Amino acid sequence: MRKTQKPERILTTPPMLCIEILSPGDRMARIEEKVRDYLAFSVEYVWVIDPQRRTAWEYTSTGAQQVRDQLATTDPDLTVSVSRLFADLLQEQS
């Protein structure tokens, strides 16, 4: 949520970013449908994290790409190191 956005119980204004973290039972078709719904609602960035495969994908209105180094947004600038993300997940599982 941007600083200029007010909290809403039911979203009428799209958030800047939605993050989906896959669980073992998730089906890709269901996730892709959610991503399309987010983008149709004008969410600017959708990140899909797959902890089992250690992959990260970024979806925007211009397309999708697998991200190997850093997930990032602009306005506001936000970055998450993919390798650090998965390293932290491994530590939590230990």
Protein backbone atom coordinates (compact mmCIF):
# COMPACT_ATOMS: atom_id res chain seq x y z
CA MET A 1 0.00 0.00 0.00
CA ARG A 2 1.29 3.42 -0.84
CA LYS A 3 1.48 6.06 1.87
CA THR A 4 -1.25 8.01 0.09
CA GLN A 5 -3.63 5.01 0.16
CA LYS A 6 -6.03 4.59 3.04
CA PRO A 7 -6.68 1.12 4.49
CA GLU A 8 -9.88 -0.48 3.21
CA ARG A 9 -11.77 -3.49 4.54
CA ILE A 10 -12.88 -4.32 1.01
CA LEU A 11 -10.42 -3.22 -1.65
CA THR A 12 -11.78 -0.70 -4.10
CA THR A 13 -8.36 0.72 -4.94
CA PRO A 14 -5.77 -1.77 -6.21
CA PRO A 15 -2.65 -2.27 -4.13
CA MET A 16 0.67 -1.61 -5.83
CA LEU A 17 1.93 -5.16 -5.16
CA CYS A 18 0.45 -8.60 -4.54
CA ILE A 19 2.63 -11.52 -3.50
CA GLU A 20 1.64 -15.16 -3.93
CA ILE A 21 3.72 -17.77 -2.13
CA LEU A 22 3.03 -21.21 -3.53
CA SER A 23 2.25 -24.13 -1.27
CA PRO A 24 2.84 -27.73 -2.38
CA GLY A 25 -0.83 -28.20 -3.32
CA ASP A 26 -1.14 -25.10 -5.50
CA ARG A 27 -1.91 -25.64 -9.15
CA MET A 28 -0.30 -23.30 -11.65
CA ALA A 29 -3.59 -22.80 -13.54
CA ARG A 30 -5.20 -21.44 -10.35
CA ILE A 31 -2.24 -19.13 -9.67
CA GLU A 32 -2.24 -17.84 -13.25
CA GLU A 33 -5.95 -17.05 -12.91
CA LYS A 34 -5.27 -15.09 -9.71
CA VAL A 35 -2.45 -13.21 -11.41
CA ARG A 36 -4.77 -12.27 -14.30
CA ASP A 37 -7.38 -11.10 -11.79
CA TYR A 38 -4.81 -8.95 -9.96
CA LEU A 39 -3.59 -7.37 -13.19
CA ALA A 40 -7.17 -6.78 -14.39
CA PHE A 41 -7.78 -4.96 -11.08
CA SER A 42 -4.77 -2.74 -12.02
CA VAL A 43 -2.29 -4.15 -9.52
CA GLU A 44 1.05 -2.95 -10.87
CA TYR A 45 3.25 -5.83 -9.67
CA VAL A 46 2.50 -9.45 -8.86
CA TRP A 47 5.27 -11.59 -7.44
CA VAL A 48 4.91 -15.37 -7.41
CA ILE A 49 7.35 -17.18 -5.13
CA ASP A 50 7.83 -20.95 -5.34
CA PRO A 51 9.81 -22.07 -2.26
CA GLN A 52 10.05 -25.70 -3.39
CA ARG A 53 11.59 -24.87 -6.76
CA ARG A 54 13.33 -21.77 -5.43
CA THR A 55 11.99 -19.65 -8.26
CA ALA A 56 10.49 -16.18 -8.32
CA TRP A 57 8.38 -14.63 -11.06
CA GLU A 58 7.32 -11.04 -11.60
CA TYR A 59 4.13 -10.22 -13.50
CA THR A 60 3.20 -6.74 -14.73
CA SER A 61 0.86 -5.40 -17.37
CA THR A 62 3.73 -5.71 -19.86
CA GLY A 63 4.38 -9.41 -19.24
CA ALA A 64 6.02 -11.97 -17.01
CA GLN A 65 9.61 -12.83 -16.28
CA GLN A 66 11.49 -15.16 -14.00
CA VAL A 67 13.62 -13.14 -11.61
CA ARG A 68 16.97 -14.54 -10.57
CA ASP A 69 18.60 -11.63 -8.74
CA GLN A 70 16.22 -9.00 -7.31
CA LEU A 71 12.47 -8.51 -7.29
CA ALA A 72 11.89 -4.78 -7.57
CA THR A 73 9.22 -2.10 -7.81
CA THR A 74 9.36 1.59 -8.53
CA ASP A 75 7.43 4.41 -6.88
CA PRO A 76 8.09 3.39 -4.18
CA ASP A 77 11.41 1.67 -4.73
CA LEU A 78 11.34 -1.75 -3.14
CA THR A 79 13.84 -4.55 -3.72
CA VAL A 80 14.07 -8.09 -2.40
CA SER A 81 17.10 -10.26 -3.05
CA VAL A 82 15.88 -13.61 -4.40
CA SER A 83 18.93 -15.50 -3.11
CA ARG A 84 18.53 -13.93 0.34
CA LEU A 85 14.82 -14.74 0.35
CA PHE A 86 15.46 -18.42 -0.27
CA ALA A 87 18.42 -18.50 2.15
CA ASP A 88 16.16 -17.09 4.87
CA LEU A 89 13.51 -19.70 4.06
CA LEU A 90 16.09 -22.49 4.37
CA GLN A 91 17.19 -21.19 7.77
CA GLU A 92 13.57 -21.14 9.01
CA GLN A 93 13.08 -24.73 7.88
CA SER A 94 16.18 -25.93 9.79
